[in-house]
């Protein structure tokens, strides 16, 4: 079974000082860095996703500091491709599917649980892949939003912790 680990939108906007700081963003980032190392050791393909807005102003505008993927993630991911998206679903209007050739299972993690993680994991473009959302490698605006989203998602898609994925 060939796996890919999709790391969605670990960008400065979601951290302290950004336009949309999330609950436990720093802790989630630290867990993601460790998980990327485990995924690389396991032979999983790593793919990063970066949201870039088409708006002239506001969050995620190209060239602004907030749009940048966090340096620790970039370093951990090495030469992993970066998919640029404009909407919540990382498949929509991107070349993500081309990077998944030969992949059977897609592990999904990142920012925001209730938005980009859900829409990517449930994308019709992911049909044919075994999708697994890695719950402790995602975050949302609040703990309650994160947990409610994961509970609802678990009725549709496999949800597991990083320890369960990389044992």
N, C-alpha and C. Protein backbone atom coordinates (compact mmCIF):
# COMPACT_ATOMS: atom_id res chain seq x y z
N UNK A 1 0.84 -1.19 0.00
CA UNK A 1 0.00 0.00 0.00
C UNK A 1 0.88 1.25 0.00
N UNK A 2 0.71 2.10 -0.98
CA UNK A 2 1.45 3.35 -1.07
C UNK A 2 0.61 4.47 -0.44
N UNK A 3 1.26 5.24 0.44
CA UNK A 3 0.55 6.31 1.14
C UNK A 3 1.17 7.67 0.83
N UNK A 4 0.32 8.68 0.91
CA UNK A 4 0.78 10.07 0.86
C UNK A 4 0.25 10.79 2.09
N UNK A 5 1.05 11.71 2.59
CA UNK A 5 0.69 12.53 3.75
C UNK A 5 0.51 13.95 3.26
N UNK A 6 -0.73 14.43 3.27
CA UNK A 6 -1.08 15.76 2.80
C UNK A 6 -1.16 16.71 3.98
N UNK A 7 -0.33 17.73 3.99
CA UNK A 7 -0.25 18.69 5.09
C UNK A 7 -0.79 20.03 4.56
N UNK A 8 -1.95 20.40 5.06
CA UNK A 8 -2.71 21.52 4.50
C UNK A 8 -2.53 22.82 5.30
N UNK A 9 -2.04 23.84 4.62
CA UNK A 9 -2.10 25.24 5.07
C UNK A 9 -1.46 25.54 6.44
N UNK A 10 -0.28 25.05 6.67
CA UNK A 10 0.40 25.41 7.93
C UNK A 10 1.13 26.72 7.65
N UNK A 11 0.34 27.78 7.66
CA UNK A 11 0.77 29.11 7.23
C UNK A 11 0.71 30.12 8.37
N UNK A 12 1.50 31.16 8.26
CA UNK A 12 1.63 32.16 9.31
C UNK A 12 0.30 32.80 9.72
N UNK A 13 -0.66 32.92 8.82
CA UNK A 13 -1.95 33.54 9.16
C UNK A 13 -2.64 32.85 10.33
N UNK A 14 -2.36 31.56 10.54
CA UNK A 14 -3.04 30.79 11.57
C UNK A 14 -2.34 30.80 12.92
N UNK A 15 -1.27 31.55 13.04
CA UNK A 15 -0.48 31.58 14.27
C UNK A 15 -0.56 32.97 14.92
N UNK A 16 -0.08 33.07 16.15
CA UNK A 16 -0.08 34.35 16.86
C UNK A 16 0.50 35.44 15.95
N UNK A 17 -0.21 36.56 15.86
CA UNK A 17 0.21 37.66 15.00
C UNK A 17 -0.39 37.59 13.61
N UNK A 18 -0.98 36.44 13.25
CA UNK A 18 -1.63 36.28 11.95
C UNK A 18 -3.08 36.75 12.01
N UNK A 19 -3.71 36.79 10.87
CA UNK A 19 -5.09 37.27 10.77
C UNK A 19 -6.11 36.31 11.38
N UNK A 20 -5.79 35.01 11.42
CA UNK A 20 -6.76 33.99 11.87
C UNK A 20 -6.12 32.99 12.83
N UNK A 21 -5.61 33.43 13.98
CA UNK A 21 -4.93 32.48 14.87
C UNK A 21 -5.88 31.37 15.35
N UNK A 22 -5.35 30.15 15.35
CA UNK A 22 -6.14 28.97 15.70
C UNK A 22 -5.76 28.43 17.08
N UNK A 23 -6.66 27.64 17.61
CA UNK A 23 -6.46 26.95 18.89
C UNK A 23 -5.28 25.98 18.75
N UNK A 24 -4.34 26.06 19.65
CA UNK A 24 -3.17 25.18 19.73
C UNK A 24 -2.40 25.06 18.41
N UNK A 25 -2.25 26.17 17.72
CA UNK A 25 -1.54 26.15 16.43
C UNK A 25 -0.09 25.72 16.60
N UNK A 26 0.60 26.25 17.59
CA UNK A 26 2.02 25.91 17.79
C UNK A 26 2.19 24.44 18.16
N UNK A 27 1.33 23.94 19.03
CA UNK A 27 1.40 22.53 19.43
C UNK A 27 1.12 21.62 18.23
N UNK A 28 0.16 22.00 17.43
CA UNK A 28 -0.17 21.21 16.24
C UNK A 28 1.00 21.22 15.27
N UNK A 29 1.61 22.38 15.09
CA UNK A 29 2.78 22.47 14.21
C UNK A 29 3.90 21.55 14.68
N UNK A 30 4.18 21.53 15.98
CA UNK A 30 5.24 20.67 16.53
C UNK A 30 4.92 19.20 16.27
N UNK A 31 3.66 18.81 16.46
CA UNK A 31 3.27 17.42 16.19
C UNK A 31 3.39 17.10 14.70
N UNK A 32 3.06 18.06 13.85
CA UNK A 32 3.19 17.86 12.40
C UNK A 32 4.64 17.68 11.99
N UNK A 33 5.54 18.46 12.54
CA UNK A 33 6.96 18.32 12.22
C UNK A 33 7.43 16.91 12.57
N UNK A 34 7.07 16.44 13.75
CA UNK A 34 7.43 15.08 14.16
C UNK A 34 6.80 14.04 13.24
N UNK A 35 5.54 14.24 12.88
CA UNK A 35 4.84 13.29 12.01
C UNK A 35 5.44 13.26 10.61
N UNK A 36 5.86 14.39 10.10
CA UNK A 36 6.50 14.41 8.78
C UNK A 36 7.76 13.55 8.82
N UNK A 37 8.51 13.64 9.90
CA UNK A 37 9.69 12.78 10.04
C UNK A 37 9.32 11.31 10.05
N UNK A 38 8.26 10.95 10.78
CA UNK A 38 7.81 9.56 10.81
C UNK A 38 7.30 9.11 9.45
N UNK A 39 6.59 9.99 8.77
CA UNK A 39 6.07 9.66 7.44
C UNK A 39 7.22 9.42 6.46
N UNK A 40 8.22 10.26 6.52
CA UNK A 40 9.38 10.08 5.63
C UNK A 40 10.07 8.76 5.91
N UNK A 41 10.25 8.43 7.19
CA UNK A 41 10.87 7.17 7.58
C UNK A 41 10.06 5.98 7.08
N UNK A 42 8.73 6.12 7.11
CA UNK A 42 7.83 5.05 6.65
C UNK A 42 7.75 4.96 5.13
N UNK A 43 8.34 5.91 4.44
CA UNK A 43 8.30 5.90 2.97
C UNK A 43 7.06 6.56 2.40
N UNK A 44 6.31 7.28 3.22
CA UNK A 44 5.12 7.97 2.74
C UNK A 44 5.53 9.19 1.92
N UNK A 45 4.80 9.45 0.87
CA UNK A 45 5.02 10.65 0.06
C UNK A 45 4.47 11.85 0.83
N UNK A 46 5.23 12.92 0.93
CA UNK A 46 4.80 14.14 1.63
C UNK A 46 4.39 15.17 0.58
N UNK A 47 3.24 15.80 0.80
CA UNK A 47 2.77 16.86 -0.08
C UNK A 47 2.26 18.01 0.80
N UNK A 48 2.76 19.20 0.56
CA UNK A 48 2.30 20.38 1.28
C UNK A 48 1.27 21.12 0.45
N UNK A 49 0.36 21.80 1.14
CA UNK A 49 -0.65 22.63 0.48
C UNK A 49 -0.54 24.03 1.06
N UNK A 50 -0.66 25.02 0.18
CA UNK A 50 -0.60 26.42 0.58
C UNK A 50 -1.78 27.17 -0.02
N UNK A 51 -2.55 27.82 0.85
CA UNK A 51 -3.67 28.62 0.38
C UNK A 51 -3.15 30.00 -0.01
N UNK A 52 -3.48 30.44 -1.21
CA UNK A 52 -3.14 31.78 -1.68
C UNK A 52 -4.42 32.41 -2.20
N UNK A 53 -4.78 33.56 -1.63
CA UNK A 53 -6.01 34.24 -1.99
C UNK A 53 -5.87 34.96 -3.33
N UNK A 54 -7.00 35.09 -4.00
CA UNK A 54 -7.04 35.89 -5.23
C UNK A 54 -7.40 37.34 -4.93
N UNK A 55 -7.74 37.63 -3.67
CA UNK A 55 -8.12 38.99 -3.28
C UNK A 55 -6.89 39.91 -3.27
N UNK A 56 -7.14 41.18 -3.38
CA UNK A 56 -6.06 42.16 -3.36
C UNK A 56 -5.59 42.45 -1.94
N UNK A 57 -6.47 42.26 -0.96
CA UNK A 57 -6.13 42.50 0.44
C UNK A 57 -6.74 41.40 1.29
N UNK A 58 -6.28 41.32 2.54
CA UNK A 58 -6.82 40.35 3.48
C UNK A 58 -5.89 39.17 3.70
N UNK A 59 -6.38 38.14 4.39
CA UNK A 59 -5.56 36.97 4.68
C UNK A 59 -5.13 36.22 3.42
N UNK A 60 -3.95 35.66 3.48
CA UNK A 60 -3.41 34.75 2.45
C UNK A 60 -3.11 35.42 1.10
N UNK A 61 -2.93 36.74 1.10
CA UNK A 61 -2.60 37.44 -0.14
C UNK A 61 -1.15 37.13 -0.51
N UNK A 62 -0.95 36.80 -1.77
CA UNK A 62 0.39 36.48 -2.27
C UNK A 62 1.36 37.61 -1.92
N UNK A 63 2.54 37.22 -1.44
CA UNK A 63 3.57 38.18 -1.11
C UNK A 63 3.54 38.68 0.32
N UNK A 64 2.42 38.50 1.03
CA UNK A 64 2.34 38.91 2.43
C UNK A 64 2.96 37.84 3.32
N UNK A 65 3.46 38.26 4.47
CA UNK A 65 4.10 37.32 5.40
C UNK A 65 3.15 36.22 5.86
N UNK A 66 1.88 36.51 5.98
CA UNK A 66 0.90 35.54 6.47
C UNK A 66 0.69 34.35 5.56
N UNK A 67 0.95 34.49 4.28
CA UNK A 67 0.72 33.41 3.32
C UNK A 67 1.81 32.34 3.38
N UNK A 68 2.95 32.67 3.96
CA UNK A 68 4.10 31.75 3.97
C UNK A 68 3.82 30.49 4.79
N UNK A 69 4.26 29.36 4.26
CA UNK A 69 4.24 28.11 5.03
C UNK A 69 5.29 28.24 6.12
N UNK A 70 4.98 27.74 7.28
CA UNK A 70 5.88 27.86 8.43
C UNK A 70 7.23 27.21 8.13
N UNK A 71 8.33 27.88 8.48
CA UNK A 71 9.67 27.37 8.15
C UNK A 71 9.95 25.96 8.66
N UNK A 72 9.50 25.62 9.87
CA UNK A 72 9.77 24.27 10.40
C UNK A 72 9.10 23.19 9.55
N UNK A 73 7.95 23.50 8.99
CA UNK A 73 7.25 22.55 8.12
C UNK A 73 8.02 22.38 6.82
N UNK A 74 8.46 23.49 6.24
CA UNK A 74 9.21 23.44 4.98
C UNK A 74 10.49 22.64 5.16
N UNK A 75 11.20 22.88 6.24
CA UNK A 75 12.45 22.15 6.50
C UNK A 75 12.16 20.66 6.69
N UNK A 76 11.16 20.33 7.50
CA UNK A 76 10.84 18.92 7.75
C UNK A 76 10.43 18.21 6.46
N UNK A 77 9.71 18.90 5.59
CA UNK A 77 9.19 18.28 4.37
C UNK A 77 10.24 18.16 3.27
N UNK A 78 11.35 18.84 3.40
CA UNK A 78 12.42 18.72 2.41
C UNK A 78 11.96 19.16 1.03
N UNK A 79 12.12 18.29 0.06
CA UNK A 79 11.78 18.64 -1.32
C UNK A 79 10.34 18.29 -1.71
N UNK A 80 9.47 18.18 -0.73
CA UNK A 80 8.07 17.86 -1.00
C UNK A 80 7.45 18.93 -1.90
N UNK A 81 6.59 18.51 -2.82
CA UNK A 81 5.92 19.50 -3.66
C UNK A 81 4.95 20.34 -2.82
N UNK A 82 4.73 21.56 -3.28
CA UNK A 82 3.76 22.46 -2.65
C UNK A 82 2.65 22.74 -3.66
N UNK A 83 1.44 22.36 -3.28
CA UNK A 83 0.26 22.58 -4.10
C UNK A 83 -0.35 23.92 -3.68
N UNK A 84 -0.58 24.81 -4.62
CA UNK A 84 -1.22 26.09 -4.31
C UNK A 84 -2.70 25.97 -4.61
N UNK A 85 -3.52 26.32 -3.62
CA UNK A 85 -4.97 26.25 -3.80
C UNK A 85 -5.58 27.63 -3.54
N UNK A 86 -6.78 27.81 -4.06
CA UNK A 86 -7.50 29.09 -3.91
C UNK A 86 -8.80 28.93 -3.12
N UNK A 87 -9.23 27.66 -2.92
CA UNK A 87 -10.47 27.36 -2.20
C UNK A 87 -10.17 26.29 -1.15
N UNK A 88 -11.17 25.92 -0.37
CA UNK A 88 -10.96 24.97 0.72
C UNK A 88 -10.48 23.59 0.26
N UNK A 89 -11.06 23.07 -0.80
CA UNK A 89 -10.73 21.73 -1.31
C UNK A 89 -9.38 21.78 -2.04
N UNK A 90 -8.40 21.08 -1.52
CA UNK A 90 -7.06 21.08 -2.12
C UNK A 90 -7.00 20.41 -3.48
N UNK A 91 -8.04 19.68 -3.85
CA UNK A 91 -8.11 19.06 -5.18
C UNK A 91 -8.64 20.03 -6.23
N UNK A 92 -9.52 20.95 -5.81
CA UNK A 92 -10.24 21.79 -6.76
C UNK A 92 -9.32 22.78 -7.47
N UNK A 93 -9.27 22.67 -8.77
CA UNK A 93 -8.48 23.58 -9.62
C UNK A 93 -6.98 23.57 -9.28
N UNK A 94 -6.47 22.40 -8.86
CA UNK A 94 -5.04 22.23 -8.60
C UNK A 94 -4.56 20.96 -9.31
N UNK A 95 -3.26 20.73 -9.23
CA UNK A 95 -2.69 19.50 -9.80
C UNK A 95 -2.42 18.44 -8.75
N UNK A 96 -3.12 18.52 -7.61
CA UNK A 96 -2.90 17.56 -6.52
C UNK A 96 -3.05 16.12 -7.00
N UNK A 97 -4.07 15.81 -7.77
CA UNK A 97 -4.30 14.43 -8.21
C UNK A 97 -3.10 13.88 -8.97
N UNK A 98 -2.40 14.70 -9.71
CA UNK A 98 -1.22 14.25 -10.45
C UNK A 98 -0.10 13.81 -9.51
N UNK A 99 -0.04 14.40 -8.33
CA UNK A 99 0.98 14.04 -7.34
C UNK A 99 0.62 12.77 -6.58
N UNK A 100 -0.57 12.26 -6.81
CA UNK A 100 -1.04 11.07 -6.09
C UNK A 100 -1.03 9.81 -6.96
N UNK A 101 -0.39 9.86 -8.10
CA UNK A 101 -0.27 8.70 -8.96
C UNK A 101 0.40 7.57 -8.18
N UNK A 102 -0.22 6.39 -8.17
CA UNK A 102 0.33 5.24 -7.47
C UNK A 102 0.01 5.19 -5.99
N UNK A 103 -0.72 6.16 -5.48
CA UNK A 103 -1.07 6.23 -4.06
C UNK A 103 -2.42 5.54 -3.83
N UNK A 104 -2.50 4.72 -2.77
CA UNK A 104 -3.73 4.05 -2.38
C UNK A 104 -4.42 4.74 -1.22
N UNK A 105 -3.60 5.26 -0.29
CA UNK A 105 -4.16 5.87 0.92
C UNK A 105 -3.63 7.28 1.07
N UNK A 106 -4.55 8.21 1.39
CA UNK A 106 -4.19 9.61 1.61
C UNK A 106 -4.45 9.97 3.06
N UNK A 107 -3.38 10.34 3.75
CA UNK A 107 -3.47 10.82 5.13
C UNK A 107 -3.61 12.33 5.06
N UNK A 108 -4.62 12.88 5.72
CA UNK A 108 -4.92 14.31 5.62
C UNK A 108 -4.78 14.95 6.99
N UNK A 109 -4.08 16.10 7.02
CA UNK A 109 -3.89 16.85 8.27
C UNK A 109 -3.74 18.32 7.94
N UNK A 110 -3.92 19.18 8.95
CA UNK A 110 -3.64 20.59 8.75
C UNK A 110 -4.65 21.54 9.34
N UNK A 111 -4.68 22.72 8.77
CA UNK A 111 -5.50 23.83 9.20
C UNK A 111 -6.63 24.00 8.18
N UNK A 112 -7.74 24.32 8.40
CA UNK A 112 -8.57 24.26 9.57
C UNK A 112 -9.41 22.98 9.48
N UNK A 113 -9.56 22.32 10.61
CA UNK A 113 -10.27 21.05 10.65
C UNK A 113 -11.64 21.15 9.97
N UNK A 114 -12.41 22.17 10.34
CA UNK A 114 -13.80 22.29 9.89
C UNK A 114 -13.92 22.83 8.47
N UNK A 115 -12.84 23.19 7.84
CA UNK A 115 -12.92 23.80 6.52
C UNK A 115 -12.05 23.04 5.52
N UNK A 116 -10.81 23.41 5.40
CA UNK A 116 -9.95 22.82 4.37
C UNK A 116 -9.71 21.33 4.57
N UNK A 117 -9.57 20.88 5.80
CA UNK A 117 -9.37 19.45 6.04
C UNK A 117 -10.60 18.67 5.62
N UNK A 118 -11.79 19.10 6.06
CA UNK A 118 -13.03 18.40 5.71
C UNK A 118 -13.28 18.42 4.21
N UNK A 119 -13.18 19.58 3.59
CA UNK A 119 -13.50 19.67 2.16
C UNK A 119 -12.52 18.89 1.30
N UNK A 120 -11.27 18.83 1.71
CA UNK A 120 -10.29 18.02 0.97
C UNK A 120 -10.55 16.53 1.20
N UNK A 121 -10.75 16.15 2.44
CA UNK A 121 -10.97 14.73 2.76
C UNK A 121 -12.24 14.19 2.11
N UNK A 122 -13.25 15.02 1.95
CA UNK A 122 -14.52 14.57 1.38
C UNK A 122 -14.67 14.93 -0.10
N UNK A 123 -13.63 15.43 -0.70
CA UNK A 123 -13.68 15.81 -2.11
C UNK A 123 -14.02 14.62 -2.99
N UNK A 124 -14.86 14.83 -3.98
CA UNK A 124 -15.17 13.77 -4.94
C UNK A 124 -13.91 13.39 -5.73
N UNK A 125 -12.97 14.31 -5.83
CA UNK A 125 -11.71 14.03 -6.52
C UNK A 125 -10.86 13.02 -5.76
N UNK A 126 -11.19 12.78 -4.51
CA UNK A 126 -10.47 11.79 -3.70
C UNK A 126 -11.10 10.40 -3.80
N UNK A 127 -12.21 10.30 -4.51
CA UNK A 127 -12.84 8.98 -4.68
C UNK A 127 -11.81 8.00 -5.23
N UNK A 128 -11.79 6.82 -4.69
CA UNK A 128 -10.83 5.81 -5.12
C UNK A 128 -9.63 5.72 -4.20
N UNK A 129 -9.44 6.73 -3.36
CA UNK A 129 -8.37 6.69 -2.37
C UNK A 129 -8.96 6.34 -1.00
N UNK A 130 -8.19 5.62 -0.21
CA UNK A 130 -8.57 5.41 1.20
C UNK A 130 -8.12 6.65 1.94
N UNK A 131 -9.06 7.40 2.46
CA UNK A 131 -8.77 8.66 3.15
C UNK A 131 -8.74 8.42 4.65
N UNK A 132 -7.75 9.00 5.30
CA UNK A 132 -7.68 8.96 6.76
C UNK A 132 -7.29 10.35 7.24
N UNK A 133 -8.11 10.96 8.08
CA UNK A 133 -7.79 12.24 8.69
C UNK A 133 -7.06 11.97 9.99
N UNK A 134 -5.92 12.62 10.17
CA UNK A 134 -5.10 12.42 11.37
C UNK A 134 -5.49 13.51 12.36
N UNK A 135 -6.30 13.13 13.33
CA UNK A 135 -7.01 14.07 14.20
C UNK A 135 -6.12 14.99 15.01
N UNK A 136 -5.04 14.49 15.55
CA UNK A 136 -4.19 15.33 16.41
C UNK A 136 -3.18 16.14 15.60
N UNK A 137 -3.28 16.07 14.28
CA UNK A 137 -2.42 16.87 13.41
C UNK A 137 -3.25 17.92 12.66
N UNK A 138 -4.41 18.23 13.24
CA UNK A 138 -5.30 19.26 12.69
C UNK A 138 -5.68 20.20 13.84
N UNK A 139 -6.15 21.38 13.48
CA UNK A 139 -6.70 22.28 14.47
C UNK A 139 -7.72 23.21 13.83
N UNK A 140 -8.45 23.92 14.70
CA UNK A 140 -9.56 24.78 14.28
C UNK A 140 -9.54 26.04 15.15
N UNK A 141 -10.49 26.94 14.95
CA UNK A 141 -10.49 28.16 15.77
C UNK A 141 -10.62 27.89 17.27
N UNK A 142 -11.36 26.84 17.64
CA UNK A 142 -11.51 26.49 19.05
C UNK A 142 -11.47 24.97 19.21
N UNK A 143 -11.25 24.53 20.44
CA UNK A 143 -11.25 23.10 20.73
C UNK A 143 -12.62 22.49 20.43
N UNK A 144 -13.68 23.21 20.73
CA UNK A 144 -15.03 22.69 20.50
C UNK A 144 -15.29 22.50 19.01
N UNK A 145 -14.94 23.48 18.20
CA UNK A 145 -15.14 23.35 16.75
C UNK A 145 -14.34 22.17 16.21
N UNK A 146 -13.10 22.04 16.66
CA UNK A 146 -12.23 20.94 16.23
C UNK A 146 -12.87 19.59 16.57
N UNK A 147 -13.31 19.42 17.81
CA UNK A 147 -13.86 18.13 18.24
C UNK A 147 -15.19 17.81 17.58
N UNK A 148 -16.07 18.79 17.47
CA UNK A 148 -17.35 18.56 16.81
C UNK A 148 -17.13 18.14 15.36
N UNK A 149 -16.20 18.81 14.70
CA UNK A 149 -15.90 18.48 13.30
C UNK A 149 -15.38 17.06 13.17
N UNK A 150 -14.43 16.69 14.03
CA UNK A 150 -13.88 15.33 13.97
C UNK A 150 -14.95 14.28 14.25
N UNK A 151 -15.82 14.55 15.22
CA UNK A 151 -16.89 13.60 15.54
C UNK A 151 -17.81 13.40 14.34
N UNK A 152 -18.18 14.49 13.69
CA UNK A 152 -19.05 14.38 12.52
C UNK A 152 -18.32 13.69 11.36
N UNK A 153 -17.07 14.05 11.15
CA UNK A 153 -16.29 13.48 10.05
C UNK A 153 -16.10 11.97 10.21
N UNK A 154 -15.95 11.52 11.46
CA UNK A 154 -15.71 10.10 11.73
C UNK A 154 -16.87 9.21 11.29
N UNK A 155 -18.05 9.79 11.09
CA UNK A 155 -19.17 8.99 10.59
C UNK A 155 -19.07 8.75 9.08
N UNK A 156 -18.16 9.45 8.42
CA UNK A 156 -18.01 9.37 6.97
C UNK A 156 -16.65 8.87 6.51
N UNK A 157 -15.61 9.17 7.29
CA UNK A 157 -14.22 8.92 6.89
C UNK A 157 -13.46 8.39 8.09
N UNK A 158 -12.45 7.59 7.83
CA UNK A 158 -11.59 7.09 8.90
C UNK A 158 -10.84 8.25 9.55
N UNK A 159 -10.87 8.31 10.86
CA UNK A 159 -10.17 9.32 11.66
C UNK A 159 -9.30 8.57 12.66
N UNK A 160 -8.02 8.93 12.72
CA UNK A 160 -7.09 8.27 13.63
C UNK A 160 -6.08 9.27 14.16
N UNK A 161 -5.36 8.91 15.20
CA UNK A 161 -4.29 9.75 15.71
C UNK A 161 -2.97 9.41 15.00
N UNK A 162 -2.01 10.29 15.15
CA UNK A 162 -0.69 10.04 14.54
C UNK A 162 -0.07 8.75 15.10
N UNK A 163 -0.26 8.51 16.40
CA UNK A 163 0.30 7.28 16.99
C UNK A 163 -0.33 6.04 16.38
N UNK A 164 -1.59 6.12 16.00
CA UNK A 164 -2.24 4.98 15.36
C UNK A 164 -1.78 4.80 13.91
N UNK A 165 -1.44 5.89 13.25
CA UNK A 165 -0.99 5.83 11.85
C UNK A 165 0.45 5.33 11.75
N UNK A 166 1.34 5.92 12.56
CA UNK A 166 2.75 5.57 12.49
C UNK A 166 3.15 4.87 13.79
N UNK A 167 2.81 3.58 13.89
CA UNK A 167 3.09 2.81 15.11
C UNK A 167 4.50 2.27 15.09
